[in-house]
């Protein structure tokens, strides 16, 4: 059974730091593009950061220079280090494992049903 479990959210002061963790089981995360998403409205999510199977990374513009995505040596856990947090960084965060882009149908988009695994979500930073 494939499971992605997020953790690490909590209250943090303005300008503080927090680290989200996503522990994967049943898959080798090195074979997937691993992403952090934040819920916007309804079932829609926005991409916050992603580390691809080839090691390349992506960051949403407002998070560049403040957030860092990484993996542990065993490729079992993906982290999102969040520094310089702002009130607008709050929200529910989801971890996702995506089949590498070239294996997904051309033109496909969120949530890539059948080509992805998603965690249950976790409350991210909460302003205090």
C-alpha atoms as a PDB file:
ATOM      1  CA  UNK A   1       0.000   0.000   0.000  1.00  0.00           C
ATOM      2  CA  UNK A   2       1.334   3.385  -0.973  1.00  0.00           C
ATOM      3  CA  UNK A   3       1.131   6.025   1.712  1.00  0.00           C
ATOM      4  CA  UNK A   4       2.344   9.587   1.987  1.00  0.00           C
ATOM      5  CA  UNK A   5       2.175  11.080   5.467  1.00  0.00           C
ATOM      6  CA  UNK A   6       2.763  14.771   6.068  1.00  0.00           C
ATOM      7  CA  UNK A   7       3.834  16.290   9.364  1.00  0.00           C
ATOM      8  CA  UNK A   8       5.609  19.273  10.848  1.00  0.00           C
ATOM      9  CA  UNK A   9       3.075  22.060  10.666  1.00  0.00           C
ATOM     10  CA  UNK A  10       2.388  24.329  13.583  1.00  0.00           C
ATOM     11  CA  UNK A  11       2.321  27.782  15.042  1.00  0.00           C
ATOM     12  CA  UNK A  12       5.211  30.041  14.175  1.00  0.00           C
ATOM     13  CA  UNK A  13       5.978  33.699  14.672  1.00  0.00           C
ATOM     14  CA  UNK A  14       6.240  36.099  11.781  1.00  0.00           C
ATOM     15  CA  UNK A  15       9.643  35.655  10.170  1.00  0.00           C
ATOM     16  CA  UNK A  16      10.180  32.302  11.837  1.00  0.00           C
ATOM     17  CA  UNK A  17      10.947  28.882  10.403  1.00  0.00           C
ATOM     18  CA  UNK A  18       9.170  25.579  10.074  1.00  0.00           C
ATOM     19  CA  UNK A  19       9.935  22.285   8.360  1.00  0.00           C
ATOM     20  CA  UNK A  20       7.300  20.085   6.783  1.00  0.00           C
ATOM     21  CA  UNK A  21       8.034  16.407   6.267  1.00  0.00           C
ATOM     22  CA  UNK A  22       6.509  13.867   3.914  1.00  0.00           C
ATOM     23  CA  UNK A  23       7.323  10.247   4.615  1.00  0.00           C
ATOM     24  CA  UNK A  24       6.598   7.833   1.784  1.00  0.00           C
ATOM     25  CA  UNK A  25       6.025   4.113   2.013  1.00  0.00           C
ATOM     26  CA  UNK A  26       5.289   1.610  -0.709  1.00  0.00           C
ATOM     27  CA  UNK A  27       7.200   3.598  -3.319  1.00  0.00           C
ATOM     28  CA  UNK A  28      10.718   4.767  -3.969  1.00  0.00           C
ATOM     29  CA  UNK A  29      10.435   8.530  -4.025  1.00  0.00           C
ATOM     30  CA  UNK A  30      13.584   8.723  -6.128  1.00  0.00           C
ATOM     31  CA  UNK A  31      11.461   7.403  -9.014  1.00  0.00           C
ATOM     32  CA  UNK A  32       8.877  10.176  -8.683  1.00  0.00           C
ATOM     33  CA  UNK A  33       8.569  13.920  -8.870  1.00  0.00           C
ATOM     34  CA  UNK A  34       7.806  14.913  -5.280  1.00  0.00           C
ATOM     35  CA  UNK A  35       5.774  18.044  -4.745  1.00  0.00           C
ATOM     36  CA  UNK A  36       4.306  20.205  -2.018  1.00  0.00           C
ATOM     37  CA  UNK A  37       0.937  21.774  -2.770  1.00  0.00           C
ATOM     38  CA  UNK A  38      -1.289  24.149  -0.849  1.00  0.00           C
ATOM     39  CA  UNK A  39      -5.051  24.026  -0.971  1.00  0.00           C
ATOM     40  CA  UNK A  40      -6.642  27.137  -2.418  1.00  0.00           C
ATOM     41  CA  UNK A  41     -10.394  26.671  -2.806  1.00  0.00           C
ATOM     42  CA  UNK A  42     -12.548  23.603  -3.162  1.00  0.00           C
ATOM     43  CA  UNK A  43     -10.391  20.751  -4.386  1.00  0.00           C
ATOM     44  CA  UNK A  44      -7.930  23.033  -6.163  1.00  0.00           C
ATOM     45  CA  UNK A  45      -4.317  23.214  -5.065  1.00  0.00           C
ATOM     46  CA  UNK A  46      -1.390  25.359  -6.058  1.00  0.00           C
ATOM     47  CA  UNK A  47       2.133  24.058  -6.477  1.00  0.00           C
ATOM     48  CA  UNK A  48       4.457  25.411  -3.801  1.00  0.00           C
ATOM     49  CA  UNK A  49       7.600  23.439  -4.540  1.00  0.00           C
ATOM     50  CA  UNK A  50       8.721  20.295  -6.317  1.00  0.00           C
ATOM     51  CA  UNK A  51      11.846  18.187  -6.489  1.00  0.00           C
ATOM     52  CA  UNK A  52      11.960  16.032  -9.589  1.00  0.00           C
ATOM     53  CA  UNK A  53      13.339  12.541  -9.985  1.00  0.00           C
ATOM     54  CA  UNK A  54      16.343  14.048 -11.770  1.00  0.00           C
ATOM     55  CA  UNK A  55      17.062  16.349  -8.829  1.00  0.00           C
ATOM     56  CA  UNK A  56      15.873  19.597 -10.377  1.00  0.00           C
ATOM     57  CA  UNK A  57      13.641  21.802  -8.256  1.00  0.00           C
ATOM     58  CA  UNK A  58      10.858  24.329  -8.646  1.00  0.00           C
ATOM     59  CA  UNK A  59       9.587  27.026  -6.303  1.00  0.00           C
ATOM     60  CA  UNK A  60       6.557  29.264  -6.490  1.00  0.00           C
ATOM     61  CA  UNK A  61       7.748  32.816  -7.072  1.00  0.00           C
ATOM     62  CA  UNK A  62       6.776  34.204  -3.668  1.00  0.00           C
ATOM     63  CA  UNK A  63       8.626  31.378  -1.906  1.00  0.00           C
ATOM     64  CA  UNK A  64      11.881  31.590  -3.833  1.00  0.00           C
ATOM     65  CA  UNK A  65      14.790  32.332  -1.538  1.00  0.00           C
ATOM     66  CA  UNK A  66      12.773  31.437   1.557  1.00  0.00           C
ATOM     67  CA  UNK A  67      11.744  27.805   1.017  1.00  0.00           C
ATOM     68  CA  UNK A  68      13.984  24.830   0.305  1.00  0.00           C
ATOM     69  CA  UNK A  69      12.848  21.376  -0.757  1.00  0.00           C
ATOM     70  CA  UNK A  70      15.078  18.382  -0.117  1.00  0.00           C
ATOM     71  CA  UNK A  71      15.153  14.628   0.424  1.00  0.00           C
ATOM     72  CA  UNK A  72      16.869  12.442   2.971  1.00  0.00           C
ATOM     73  CA  UNK A  73      19.671  10.122   1.912  1.00  0.00           C
ATOM     74  CA  UNK A  74      17.386   7.086   1.839  1.00  0.00           C
ATOM     75  CA  UNK A  75      14.893   8.895  -0.437  1.00  0.00           C
ATOM     76  CA  UNK A  76      12.069   8.029   1.952  1.00  0.00           C
ATOM     77  CA  UNK A  77      11.279  11.504   3.208  1.00  0.00           C
ATOM     78  CA  UNK A  78      10.830  14.829   1.454  1.00  0.00           C
ATOM     79  CA  UNK A  79      11.236  18.042   3.411  1.00  0.00           C
ATOM     80  CA  UNK A  80      10.104  21.578   2.873  1.00  0.00           C
ATOM     81  CA  UNK A  81      12.174  23.978   4.937  1.00  0.00           C
ATOM     82  CA  UNK A  82      10.227  27.199   5.317  1.00  0.00           C
ATOM     83  CA  UNK A  83      12.128  30.275   6.443  1.00  0.00           C
ATOM     84  CA  UNK A  84      11.144  33.895   6.767  1.00  0.00           C
ATOM     85  CA  UNK A  85       7.510  32.900   7.118  1.00  0.00           C
ATOM     86  CA  UNK A  86       4.793  35.421   6.427  1.00  0.00           C
ATOM     87  CA  UNK A  87       1.097  35.363   7.401  1.00  0.00           C
ATOM     88  CA  UNK A  88       0.178  34.676   3.790  1.00  0.00           C
ATOM     89  CA  UNK A  89       2.166  31.410   3.887  1.00  0.00           C
ATOM     90  CA  UNK A  90      -0.505  29.711   5.994  1.00  0.00           C
ATOM     91  CA  UNK A  91      -2.755  26.961   4.695  1.00  0.00           C
ATOM     92  CA  UNK A  92      -3.250  23.235   4.333  1.00  0.00           C
ATOM     93  CA  UNK A  93      -0.326  21.564   2.603  1.00  0.00           C
ATOM     94  CA  UNK A  94      -0.351  18.321   0.658  1.00  0.00           C
ATOM     95  CA  UNK A  95       2.496  16.082  -0.374  1.00  0.00           C
ATOM     96  CA  UNK A  96       2.262  14.388  -3.762  1.00  0.00           C
ATOM     97  CA  UNK A  97       4.289  11.819  -5.643  1.00  0.00           C
ATOM     98  CA  UNK A  98       3.935  12.264  -9.378  1.00  0.00           C
ATOM     99  CA  UNK A  99       4.957   9.881 -12.101  1.00  0.00           C
ATOM    100  CA  UNK A 100       7.757  11.584 -14.060  1.00  0.00           C
ATOM    101  CA  UNK A 101       6.376  14.096 -16.524  1.00  0.00           C
ATOM    102  CA  UNK A 102       7.363  12.217 -19.681  1.00  0.00           C
ATOM    103  CA  UNK A 103       5.247   9.258 -18.531  1.00  0.00           C
ATOM    104  CA  UNK A 104       2.115  11.344 -17.998  1.00  0.00           C
ATOM    105  CA  UNK A 105      -0.396  11.977 -20.798  1.00  0.00           C
ATOM    106  CA  UNK A 106       0.452  15.101 -22.795  1.00  0.00           C
ATOM    107  CA  UNK A 107      -1.484  18.109 -21.557  1.00  0.00           C
ATOM    108  CA  UNK A 108      -2.537  16.439 -18.320  1.00  0.00           C
ATOM    109  CA  UNK A 109      -2.820  18.552 -15.190  1.00  0.00           C
ATOM    110  CA  UNK A 110      -3.718  18.523 -11.515  1.00  0.00           C
ATOM    111  CA  UNK A 111      -4.578  16.137  -9.871  1.00  0.00           C
ATOM    112  CA  UNK A 112      -3.113  13.684 -12.425  1.00  0.00           C
ATOM    113  CA  UNK A 113      -5.478  10.901 -11.381  1.00  0.00           C
ATOM    114  CA  UNK A 114      -3.919   7.516 -12.012  1.00  0.00           C
ATOM    115  CA  UNK A 115      -0.452   9.022 -12.282  1.00  0.00           C
ATOM    116  CA  UNK A 116       0.031  10.286  -8.745  1.00  0.00           C
ATOM    117  CA  UNK A 117      -0.227   9.560  -5.050  1.00  0.00           C
ATOM    118  CA  UNK A 118      -1.399  12.135  -2.532  1.00  0.00           C
ATOM    119  CA  UNK A 119      -1.119  12.501   1.212  1.00  0.00           C
ATOM    120  CA  UNK A 120      -4.029  13.426   3.450  1.00  0.00           C
ATOM    121  CA  UNK A 121      -2.750  16.934   3.987  1.00  0.00           C
ATOM    122  CA  UNK A 122      -1.502  18.742   7.035  1.00  0.00           C
ATOM    123  CA  UNK A 123      -1.964  22.181   8.469  1.00  0.00           C
ATOM    124  CA  UNK A 124       1.094  24.183   7.540  1.00  0.00           C
ATOM    125  CA  UNK A 125       2.390  27.238   9.339  1.00  0.00           C
ATOM    126  CA  UNK A 126      -0.134  28.993  11.566  1.00  0.00           C
ATOM    127  CA  UNK A 127       0.480  32.625  12.341  1.00  0.00           C
ATOM    128  CA  UNK A 128       0.978  33.480  16.011  1.00  0.00           C
END
